[in-house]
Amino acid sequence: MSKTNPSFLNGVPELLVLQLLARREMYGYEIVRAIQEETKDAFAFGEGCIYPYLHHLQAEGWVSSRRQAVEGRSRNYYTLLPAGRQRLEDLTREWRRVAAGIGLVLEGGHA
């Protein structure tokens, strides 16, 4: 499989990041690795993709961050806020609607 992601996947990183943060607090590179591992390499979003999403999510008030020193390095840990949970619910609902519609077409309208 190609290591690049098709352009129609815009917005998927946001959905995946919010879903992971709904489970627990995480730092940026941990999120990158979790997406890769949990999707069995179906998605390869690097740090250059994920960090801008994290900053956007924080600016929107959907996540918060805190800095912590770990093994001599400083990491930003991100936590989902209540408004972020609502955003996740909205995005999940929309993704399921879109996926169901695509499924209908792919299956010839007999899903």
Protein backbone atom coordinates (compact mmCIF):
# COMPACT_ATOMS: atom_id res chain seq x y z
CA MET A 1 0.00 0.00 0.00
CA SER A 2 1.15 3.54 -0.71
CA LYS A 3 2.51 5.52 2.22
CA THR A 4 0.74 8.68 1.07
CA ASN A 5 -2.85 9.46 1.91
CA PRO A 6 -5.40 10.38 -0.77
CA SER A 7 -6.64 13.98 -0.74
CA PHE A 8 -10.21 12.88 0.08
CA LEU A 9 -8.98 12.00 3.56
CA ASN A 10 -8.83 15.66 4.62
CA GLY A 11 -10.38 15.81 8.08
CA VAL A 12 -9.60 12.20 8.95
CA PRO A 13 -6.58 13.12 11.08
CA GLU A 14 -8.79 15.39 13.19
CA LEU A 15 -11.30 12.59 13.75
CA LEU A 16 -8.58 10.08 14.66
CA VAL A 17 -6.77 12.48 16.99
CA LEU A 18 -9.98 13.34 18.84
CA GLN A 19 -10.89 9.65 19.15
CA LEU A 20 -7.49 8.76 20.59
CA LEU A 21 -7.62 11.68 23.04
CA ALA A 22 -11.11 10.59 24.12
CA ARG A 23 -9.41 7.47 25.52
CA ARG A 24 -6.55 9.16 27.37
CA GLU A 25 -4.06 12.02 27.49
CA MET A 26 -1.30 11.62 24.87
CA TYR A 27 1.67 13.50 23.44
CA GLY A 28 2.12 14.27 19.74
CA TYR A 29 4.50 11.53 18.62
CA GLU A 30 2.51 9.01 20.67
CA ILE A 31 -0.57 9.99 18.64
CA VAL A 32 1.33 9.58 15.36
CA ARG A 33 2.43 6.06 16.37
CA ALA A 34 -1.02 5.09 17.69
CA ILE A 35 -2.70 6.05 14.41
CA GLN A 36 -0.19 4.05 12.43
CA GLU A 37 -0.43 1.01 14.72
CA GLU A 38 -4.20 0.98 15.24
CA THR A 39 -4.93 1.38 11.52
CA LYS A 40 -2.34 -1.30 10.69
CA ASP A 41 -0.42 1.24 8.59
CA ALA A 42 -3.50 2.20 6.55
CA PHE A 43 -2.75 5.80 7.53
CA ALA A 44 0.68 7.40 7.72
CA PHE A 45 0.18 10.86 9.18
CA GLY A 46 3.55 12.24 10.24
CA GLU A 47 4.28 14.75 12.94
CA GLY A 48 4.17 17.52 10.32
CA CYS A 49 0.49 16.69 9.80
CA ILE A 50 -0.57 15.91 13.37
CA TYR A 51 1.01 18.86 15.22
CA PRO A 52 -0.85 21.48 13.15
CA TYR A 53 -4.10 19.61 13.91
CA LEU A 54 -3.26 19.60 17.62
CA HIS A 55 -2.59 23.34 17.55
CA HIS A 56 -5.86 23.92 15.66
CA LEU A 57 -7.81 21.75 18.11
CA GLN A 58 -6.31 23.69 20.99
CA ALA A 59 -7.10 27.07 19.38
CA GLU A 60 -10.72 25.95 18.92
CA GLY A 61 -10.95 25.01 22.61
CA TRP A 62 -11.39 21.30 21.91
CA VAL A 63 -8.17 20.13 23.57
CA SER A 64 -5.84 21.48 26.22
CA SER A 65 -2.16 20.82 26.67
CA ARG A 66 0.34 20.72 29.46
CA ARG A 67 4.12 20.58 29.24
CA GLN A 68 5.99 17.91 31.17
CA ALA A 69 9.66 16.95 31.32
CA VAL A 70 10.24 13.28 30.52
CA GLU A 71 13.74 11.80 30.48
CA GLY A 72 15.29 15.24 30.05
CA ARG A 73 12.94 16.20 27.21
CA SER A 74 9.92 18.46 27.30
CA ARG A 75 6.67 17.01 25.95
CA ASN A 76 3.26 18.53 25.41
CA TYR A 77 0.50 16.21 26.59
CA TYR A 78 -2.94 16.82 25.09
CA THR A 79 -6.28 16.21 26.77
CA LEU A 80 -9.76 16.26 25.22
CA LEU A 81 -12.06 18.95 26.64
CA PRO A 82 -15.89 18.71 26.83
CA ALA A 83 -16.26 20.81 23.66
CA GLY A 84 -13.86 18.40 21.97
CA ARG A 85 -16.08 15.46 22.93
CA GLN A 86 -18.98 17.20 21.23
CA ARG A 87 -16.83 17.86 18.16
CA LEU A 88 -15.85 14.16 18.13
CA GLU A 89 -19.51 13.11 18.31
CA ASP A 90 -20.40 15.44 15.43
CA LEU A 91 -17.49 14.28 13.26
CA THR A 92 -18.20 10.61 14.02
CA ARG A 93 -21.85 11.00 13.05
CA GLU A 94 -20.87 12.74 9.80
CA TRP A 95 -18.18 10.16 8.98
CA ARG A 96 -20.65 7.28 9.51
CA ARG A 97 -23.19 9.01 7.25
CA VAL A 98 -20.61 9.53 4.50
CA ALA A 99 -19.21 6.00 4.84
CA ALA A 100 -22.72 4.51 4.63
CA GLY A 101 -23.43 6.50 1.47
CA ILE A 102 -20.17 5.41 -0.14
CA GLY A 103 -20.92 1.84 0.89
CA LEU A 104 -24.26 1.99 -0.90
CA VAL A 105 -22.61 3.07 -4.13
CA LEU A 106 -19.78 0.55 -3.88
CA GLU A 107 -22.27 -2.23 -3.29
CA GLY A 108 -24.52 -1.17 -6.14
CA GLY A 109 -27.21 0.35 -3.91
CA HIS A 110 -27.93 -2.94 -2.13
CA ALA A 111 -26.31 -2.33 1.25
